[in-house]
Amino acid sequence: MTYFKLSFRNLLFFLILMSSLNILQAQVLVYEEPRHRPVFQNKEIRVLNVLVPPGDTSQYHIHNTPSFFIRLSNTITGSQVQGELPVAGKSKAGEIRFENLAPPNNRTHRVWNADKDTFHVMDVELLMKKSAFDQKLLTLPNLKLEIDTNWVRAYRLNLLKGIDFKTRNKQQSLVLVSLNASTLEIKQNGKTGLQTLKPGSFFVIKRRQSFSMRNSIENTSQFVLLELPPK
């Protein structure tokens, strides 16, 4: 065998190997990707706390379920769908978005942080099979509907100093996510106490549970409230 043929065969083997490695890397599910850390899961949701350090890039990972994204940092970012060109982007703290990424809308991509601060996102995967609401919108003080889908309803909640938020849900579960740092008096499951929250702190309010909180600082406390369909 000539040197040329040997070199060509080695090159071909290397290209096939690299292609196979890329395919294997792409099979990582989002909750298995190291920067997407699962912090809570039940039959309805899986909460992923996404932290990408400055200059870091995630593995290619697969989103294959309806998901709600809450951005918690102002960060210059980039992303690349596998097989496509990279795209520059910018994360803005407080932005929220729903995407139905269930088949056939799966997305395999990677993301990176092109900034000096950590890129922080919360990814709430919606695992329940039922995807329809049969009850009216929540009508609570200081609560404003922003996104309404069959999978999830998202509201904005802004609490000034001394203002209370109270709910006792009967049919549906709720997820309350803090957008900024605050100190609140929280009452849940019969227990009351002061809690210091940071962006991404969250509470899961199960069916038939009561929940209340009171803002005890000067700054407005900002939240996203997710309402899930009843069982």
Protein backbone atom coordinates (compact mmCIF):
# COMPACT_ATOMS: atom_id res chain seq x y z
CA MET A 1 0.00 0.00 0.00
CA THR A 2 1.42 3.35 -0.99
CA TYR A 3 2.02 6.16 1.52
CA PHE A 4 -0.68 8.24 -0.21
CA LYS A 5 -3.29 5.51 0.17
CA LEU A 6 -2.31 4.95 3.80
CA SER A 7 -2.55 8.65 4.61
CA PHE A 8 -5.90 8.95 2.87
CA ARG A 9 -7.25 5.95 4.78
CA ASN A 10 -6.03 7.43 8.09
CA LEU A 11 -7.63 10.76 7.24
CA LEU A 12 -10.91 9.06 6.31
CA PHE A 13 -10.87 7.10 9.58
CA PHE A 14 -10.21 10.31 11.53
CA LEU A 15 -13.14 12.12 9.85
CA ILE A 16 -15.49 9.18 10.51
CA LEU A 17 -14.36 9.06 14.14
CA MET A 18 -14.90 12.79 14.64
CA SER A 19 -18.32 12.56 13.02
CA SER A 20 -19.25 9.68 15.31
CA LEU A 21 -18.09 11.60 18.37
CA ASN A 22 -20.20 14.60 17.35
CA ILE A 23 -23.24 12.36 16.93
CA LEU A 24 -22.66 10.79 20.34
CA GLN A 25 -22.18 14.18 21.94
CA ALA A 26 -25.48 15.33 20.44
CA GLN A 27 -27.36 12.57 22.25
CA VAL A 28 -27.03 14.27 25.65
CA LEU A 29 -30.46 15.18 26.97
CA VAL A 30 -30.73 18.70 28.35
CA TYR A 31 -31.02 17.56 31.98
CA GLU A 32 -27.84 15.46 31.54
CA GLU A 33 -25.79 18.41 30.25
CA PRO A 34 -23.48 19.49 33.12
CA ARG A 35 -24.40 23.19 33.01
CA HIS A 36 -28.15 22.39 33.13
CA ARG A 37 -28.49 21.21 36.72
CA PRO A 38 -31.79 19.60 37.82
CA VAL A 39 -32.92 21.16 41.11
CA PHE A 40 -36.50 19.86 41.35
CA GLN A 41 -38.70 17.26 39.68
CA ASN A 42 -42.16 15.78 40.14
CA LYS A 43 -44.72 14.30 37.73
CA GLU A 44 -45.53 17.72 36.26
CA ILE A 45 -42.27 19.63 35.94
CA ARG A 46 -38.50 19.38 35.94
CA VAL A 47 -36.67 22.56 36.98
CA LEU A 48 -33.18 23.08 35.56
CA ASN A 49 -30.88 25.77 36.92
CA VAL A 50 -28.67 26.74 33.96
CA LEU A 51 -25.32 28.37 34.75
CA VAL A 52 -22.74 28.93 31.99
CA PRO A 53 -19.51 30.56 33.27
CA PRO A 54 -17.78 33.34 31.27
CA GLY A 55 -16.10 31.98 28.15
CA ASP A 56 -17.64 28.53 28.56
CA THR A 57 -19.67 26.51 26.02
CA SER A 58 -22.21 23.80 26.77
CA GLN A 59 -22.28 20.43 25.10
CA TYR A 60 -24.73 19.87 22.29
CA HIS A 61 -27.93 18.87 24.09
CA ILE A 62 -31.46 17.86 23.17
CA HIS A 63 -34.64 19.67 24.19
CA ASN A 64 -37.57 17.30 23.64
CA THR A 65 -40.37 18.56 25.89
CA PRO A 66 -42.44 21.75 26.16
CA SER A 67 -40.34 24.21 28.17
CA PHE A 68 -40.60 27.59 29.84
CA PHE A 69 -37.45 29.71 29.99
CA ILE A 70 -36.76 32.51 32.48
CA ARG A 71 -33.63 34.57 31.87
CA LEU A 72 -31.96 35.78 35.03
CA SER A 73 -28.84 37.61 33.79
CA ASN A 74 -27.83 40.34 31.36
CA THR A 75 -25.25 38.45 29.31
CA ILE A 76 -23.81 38.43 25.79
CA THR A 77 -24.32 34.90 24.50
CA GLY A 78 -24.32 32.73 21.41
CA SER A 79 -25.99 29.52 20.31
CA GLN A 80 -25.75 26.98 17.52
CA VAL A 81 -28.32 24.47 16.36
CA GLN A 82 -26.49 21.34 15.30
CA GLY A 83 -25.72 21.48 11.58
CA GLU A 84 -26.41 25.22 11.32
CA LEU A 85 -24.33 28.37 11.63
CA PRO A 86 -23.75 29.92 15.08
CA VAL A 87 -25.93 32.86 16.10
CA ALA A 88 -24.96 35.70 18.44
CA GLY A 89 -27.44 36.73 21.10
CA LYS A 90 -27.99 38.65 24.31
CA SER A 91 -29.77 37.55 27.45
CA LYS A 92 -31.86 40.15 29.27
CA ALA A 93 -32.78 39.51 32.89
CA GLY A 94 -36.52 39.10 33.31
CA GLU A 95 -37.25 37.87 29.78
CA ILE A 96 -39.58 34.87 29.67
CA ARG A 97 -40.46 32.52 26.80
CA PHE A 98 -42.45 29.36 26.17
CA GLU A 99 -41.44 26.85 23.47
CA ASN A 100 -43.19 23.62 22.61
CA LEU A 101 -40.12 21.49 21.99
CA ALA A 102 -41.94 18.16 22.07
CA PRO A 103 -41.54 15.93 18.97
CA PRO A 104 -41.36 16.81 16.14
CA ASN A 105 -40.09 20.18 17.42
CA ASN A 106 -37.03 18.82 19.21
CA ARG A 107 -33.98 21.07 19.21
CA THR A 108 -30.37 19.99 19.49
CA HIS A 109 -28.04 22.90 20.13
CA ARG A 110 -25.28 24.29 22.27
CA VAL A 111 -24.94 27.68 23.97
CA TRP A 112 -21.99 29.74 25.12
CA ASN A 113 -21.19 32.75 27.25
CA ALA A 114 -19.28 35.54 25.51
CA ASP A 115 -19.47 37.88 28.49
CA LYS A 116 -17.60 38.48 31.76
CA ASP A 117 -20.51 37.47 34.00
CA THR A 118 -22.23 34.09 34.42
CA PHE A 119 -25.09 33.34 32.02
CA HIS A 120 -28.05 32.34 34.19
CA VAL A 121 -31.35 30.84 32.98
CA MET A 122 -34.07 28.74 34.55
CA ASP A 123 -35.54 26.05 32.29
CA VAL A 124 -38.85 24.61 33.50
CA GLU A 125 -39.65 21.46 31.53
CA LEU A 126 -43.37 20.66 31.43
CA LEU A 127 -43.76 16.89 31.84
CA MET A 128 -47.52 16.45 32.26
CA LYS A 129 -49.44 14.79 29.44
CA LYS A 130 -52.55 16.93 29.73
CA SER A 131 -52.18 20.32 28.06
CA ALA A 132 -55.38 22.29 28.44
CA PHE A 133 -56.95 24.69 30.95
CA ASP A 134 -60.60 24.42 31.88
CA GLN A 135 -60.67 27.14 34.53
CA LYS A 136 -60.58 30.94 34.42
CA LEU A 137 -57.43 33.02 34.67
CA LEU A 138 -56.07 33.81 38.11
CA THR A 139 -57.32 37.18 39.33
CA LEU A 140 -55.12 38.19 42.25
CA PRO A 141 -53.85 41.65 43.23
CA ASN A 142 -50.63 42.81 41.50
CA LEU A 143 -50.79 39.83 39.11
CA LYS A 144 -50.67 40.39 35.34
CA LEU A 145 -51.00 37.66 32.69
CA GLU A 146 -48.16 37.72 30.16
CA ILE A 147 -48.14 34.33 28.39
CA ASP A 148 -51.18 32.06 27.90
CA THR A 149 -50.76 28.61 26.33
CA ASN A 150 -52.35 25.19 26.68
CA TRP A 151 -49.26 24.02 28.58
CA VAL A 152 -48.67 26.88 31.00
CA ARG A 153 -49.87 30.34 31.96
CA ALA A 154 -47.27 32.88 33.05
CA TYR A 155 -48.00 35.96 35.14
CA ARG A 156 -45.86 38.86 36.36
CA LEU A 157 -46.04 39.72 40.03
CA ASN A 158 -44.58 42.93 41.50
CA LEU A 159 -44.75 43.44 45.25
CA LEU A 160 -44.09 46.85 46.80
CA LYS A 161 -43.00 47.16 50.43
CA GLY A 162 -45.73 46.08 52.81
CA ILE A 163 -47.81 44.37 50.11
CA ASP A 164 -49.06 40.80 50.55
CA PHE A 165 -49.52 38.02 48.03
CA LYS A 166 -51.85 35.19 49.04
CA THR A 167 -53.21 32.20 47.18
CA ARG A 168 -55.00 28.97 47.96
CA ASN A 169 -55.19 26.94 44.79
CA LYS A 170 -57.60 24.01 44.63
CA GLN A 171 -57.11 22.38 41.24
CA GLN A 172 -53.79 23.46 39.80
CA SER A 173 -50.15 23.61 40.86
CA LEU A 174 -48.18 26.86 40.79
CA VAL A 175 -44.49 27.69 40.51
CA LEU A 176 -43.31 31.06 41.82
CA VAL A 177 -39.87 32.23 40.62
CA SER A 178 -37.98 35.22 42.03
CA LEU A 179 -36.43 37.61 39.49
CA ASN A 180 -34.44 39.76 41.92
CA ALA A 181 -32.96 39.71 45.40
CA SER A 182 -35.44 40.32 48.20
CA THR A 183 -36.33 39.48 51.78
CA LEU A 184 -39.88 38.25 52.33
CA GLU A 185 -42.03 36.87 55.08
CA ILE A 186 -43.13 33.51 53.68
CA LYS A 187 -45.91 31.27 54.97
CA GLN A 188 -46.16 27.82 53.41
CA ASN A 189 -47.32 24.46 54.79
CA GLY A 190 -48.19 26.12 58.11
CA LYS A 191 -44.66 27.48 58.65
CA THR A 192 -43.85 31.19 58.68
CA GLY A 193 -40.45 32.88 58.52
CA LEU A 194 -38.25 35.46 56.83
CA GLN A 195 -36.45 34.23 53.73
CA THR A 196 -33.78 35.94 51.67
CA LEU A 197 -34.32 35.24 47.99
CA LYS A 198 -32.03 35.65 45.00
CA PRO A 199 -32.72 35.50 41.26
CA GLY A 200 -33.89 31.97 40.51
CA SER A 201 -35.20 31.15 43.99
CA PHE A 202 -38.50 29.34 43.54
CA PHE A 203 -41.45 27.84 45.36
CA VAL A 204 -43.62 24.95 44.18
CA ILE A 205 -47.18 25.45 45.46
CA LYS A 206 -49.01 22.14 45.19
CA ARG A 207 -52.72 21.61 44.75
CA ARG A 208 -54.87 22.48 47.78
CA GLN A 209 -51.93 24.20 49.48
CA SER A 210 -52.07 27.75 50.80
CA PHE A 211 -49.17 30.15 50.30
CA SER A 212 -48.56 33.75 51.28
CA MET A 213 -45.70 36.22 51.33
CA ARG A 214 -45.14 39.82 52.37
CA ASN A 215 -42.47 42.19 51.08
CA SER A 216 -40.50 43.65 53.99
CA ILE A 217 -37.87 45.69 52.11
CA GLU A 218 -37.93 49.02 50.28
CA ASN A 219 -37.31 47.60 46.81
CA THR A 220 -40.06 46.03 44.74
CA SER A 221 -39.91 42.24 44.71
CA GLN A 222 -40.38 40.83 41.19
CA PHE A 223 -41.63 37.35 40.33
CA VAL A 224 -42.90 35.13 37.56
CA LEU A 225 -45.83 32.91 38.54
CA LEU A 226 -46.43 29.79 36.44
CA GLU A 227 -49.85 28.18 36.50
CA LEU A 228 -50.02 24.54 35.39
CA PRO A 229 -53.12 22.81 33.93
CA PRO A 230 -55.30 20.93 36.43
CA LYS A 231 -55.15 17.16 36.51
